[in-house]
Amino acid sequence: MLTFAMIKPDAVSKGYAGKIIDCLLAEGFAIRALKLTKLTRAEAEEFYGIHRGKDFFEELMQFSVSGPLIAMALDKDNAVADWRKLIGATNPQKADEGTIRKLYGEGGTKNAAHGADSEENALIEIGFFFTKRELL
């Protein structure tokens, strides 16, 4: 089963990407595709369109285009739930000890990682960043 994972610009800029990748590999995830990229404003608005109109949308847009990110398609049985458990609660201060967000997140939108919330959304988000040919 595939899921979508993103190492956000805050974690990339602070040099945490390798540590986060080490964590996911240690938890049995296989990387099927990986891309270092930087979103344009239009791409960020499309990717996070579900949040349009919410009070944090503009802050999310500014953050999303602030620097490079790493997009990944991850494979593992129960991938969506296992990745979300590994990254932890959205707010790093409320995340469980040892989770990616607790270890590397600052708070708010600067929480180090993103994970798809369902199998359906995982496929949509993977398709946003990768072609079928790019999935190994």
Protein backbone atom coordinates (compact mmCIF):
# COMPACT_ATOMS: atom_id res chain seq x y z
CA MET A 1 0.00 0.00 0.00
CA LEU A 2 1.27 3.47 -0.87
CA THR A 3 1.08 6.73 1.00
CA PHE A 4 2.28 10.24 0.30
CA ALA A 5 4.83 11.87 2.57
CA MET A 6 6.41 15.30 2.50
CA ILE A 7 9.38 16.68 4.36
CA LYS A 8 8.39 20.33 4.64
CA PRO A 9 10.61 23.35 3.92
CA ASP A 10 11.38 23.98 7.60
CA ALA A 11 12.85 20.50 8.11
CA VAL A 12 14.74 20.60 4.80
CA SER A 13 16.31 23.99 5.57
CA LYS A 14 17.40 22.84 9.03
CA GLY A 15 19.09 19.71 7.67
CA TYR A 16 16.64 17.20 9.16
CA ALA A 17 15.71 15.44 5.91
CA GLY A 18 18.28 12.65 6.29
CA LYS A 19 17.23 11.96 9.88
CA ILE A 20 13.56 11.84 8.85
CA ILE A 21 14.34 9.47 5.99
CA ASP A 22 16.34 7.30 8.40
CA CYS A 23 13.29 7.17 10.71
CA LEU A 24 10.91 6.07 7.99
CA LEU A 25 13.31 3.42 6.69
CA ALA A 26 13.82 2.10 10.23
CA GLU A 27 10.01 1.75 10.50
CA GLY A 28 9.92 -0.49 7.42
CA PHE A 29 8.78 1.97 4.76
CA ALA A 30 10.18 1.57 1.26
CA ILE A 31 10.66 4.72 -0.83
CA ARG A 32 9.04 4.23 -4.25
CA ALA A 33 9.67 7.80 -5.43
CA LEU A 34 11.47 10.82 -4.01
CA LYS A 35 11.74 14.34 -5.37
CA LEU A 36 13.38 17.50 -4.07
CA THR A 37 11.29 20.37 -5.41
CA LYS A 38 10.02 23.86 -4.64
CA LEU A 39 6.36 24.75 -5.06
CA THR A 40 5.16 27.82 -6.90
CA ARG A 41 2.31 29.79 -5.34
CA ALA A 42 -0.14 28.30 -7.86
CA GLU A 43 1.06 24.76 -7.08
CA ALA A 44 0.77 25.36 -3.33
CA GLU A 45 -2.76 26.70 -3.76
CA GLU A 46 -3.71 23.63 -5.78
CA PHE A 47 -2.10 21.14 -3.40
CA TYR A 48 -3.61 22.70 -0.27
CA GLY A 49 -6.86 23.77 -1.93
CA ILE A 50 -8.92 21.96 0.69
CA HIS A 51 -7.79 24.61 3.19
CA ARG A 52 -8.76 27.61 1.04
CA GLY A 53 -10.82 30.07 3.08
CA LYS A 54 -9.45 28.94 6.45
CA ASP A 55 -7.75 31.51 8.67
CA PHE A 56 -4.34 29.85 8.31
CA PHE A 57 -4.41 29.53 4.49
CA GLU A 58 -2.25 32.57 3.69
CA GLU A 59 0.37 31.59 6.27
CA LEU A 60 0.37 28.06 4.83
CA MET A 61 0.86 29.43 1.31
CA GLN A 62 3.79 31.64 2.33
CA PHE A 63 5.42 28.77 4.20
CA SER A 64 4.85 26.25 1.40
CA VAL A 65 6.74 28.35 -1.14
CA SER A 66 9.49 29.42 1.28
CA GLY A 67 11.99 26.77 0.24
CA PRO A 68 12.59 23.29 -1.09
CA LEU A 69 10.62 20.31 0.14
CA ILE A 70 10.96 16.57 -0.35
CA ALA A 71 7.98 14.69 -1.75
CA MET A 72 7.89 10.91 -1.39
CA ALA A 73 5.72 7.95 -2.25
CA LEU A 74 6.14 5.41 0.52
CA ASP A 75 5.21 1.74 0.46
CA LYS A 76 4.34 -0.46 3.42
CA ASP A 77 1.42 -2.51 4.67
CA ASN A 78 -0.93 -0.05 6.42
CA ALA A 79 1.20 2.80 5.03
CA VAL A 80 -1.23 5.69 5.57
CA ALA A 81 -1.93 4.95 9.24
CA ASP A 82 1.66 3.96 10.03
CA TRP A 83 3.12 7.13 8.47
CA ARG A 84 0.61 9.35 10.29
CA LYS A 85 1.49 7.63 13.56
CA LEU A 86 5.21 8.11 12.89
CA ILE A 87 4.87 11.83 12.13
CA GLY A 88 2.64 12.49 15.15
CA ALA A 89 0.07 15.15 15.96
CA THR A 90 -0.08 18.29 13.81
CA ASN A 91 1.03 20.44 16.75
CA PRO A 92 4.57 19.30 17.67
CA GLN A 93 4.00 20.30 21.32
CA LYS A 94 1.11 17.81 21.49
CA ALA A 95 2.85 15.06 19.49
CA ASP A 96 4.00 11.87 21.17
CA GLU A 97 7.64 11.54 22.16
CA GLY A 98 9.79 10.09 19.38
CA THR A 99 7.51 11.19 16.54
CA ILE A 100 8.94 13.20 13.67
CA ARG A 101 6.97 16.32 14.53
CA LYS A 102 7.95 16.14 18.20
CA LEU A 103 11.62 15.73 17.24
CA TYR A 104 11.85 18.20 14.35
CA GLY A 105 8.75 20.43 14.24
CA GLU A 106 8.47 23.98 15.54
CA GLY A 107 4.70 24.41 15.64
CA GLY A 108 1.81 25.55 13.50
CA THR A 109 2.52 24.92 9.85
CA LYS A 110 6.23 24.48 10.56
CA ASN A 111 5.80 20.92 11.74
CA ALA A 112 8.45 19.15 9.64
CA ALA A 113 6.28 16.66 7.76
CA HIS A 114 3.01 16.06 5.97
CA GLY A 115 1.16 12.81 5.50
CA ALA A 116 -1.88 11.89 3.47
CA ASP A 117 -4.94 11.32 5.65
CA SER A 118 -6.50 8.51 3.59
CA GLU A 119 -5.62 6.00 0.87
CA GLU A 120 -7.68 8.02 -1.61
CA ASN A 121 -5.87 11.28 -0.78
CA ALA A 122 -2.52 9.49 -0.80
CA LEU A 123 -3.04 8.55 -4.45
CA ILE A 124 -4.17 12.09 -5.32
CA GLU A 125 -1.15 13.63 -3.57
CA ILE A 126 1.28 11.12 -5.12
CA GLY A 127 -0.21 11.98 -8.52
CA PHE A 128 0.35 15.67 -7.85
CA PHE A 129 4.12 15.16 -7.58
CA PHE A 130 4.86 11.98 -9.55
CA THR A 131 3.94 10.30 -12.80
CA LYS A 132 3.23 6.56 -12.81
CA ARG A 133 6.54 6.08 -14.59
CA GLU A 134 8.41 7.68 -11.67
CA LEU A 135 7.02 5.21 -9.14
CA LEU A 136 9.48 2.35 -8.73
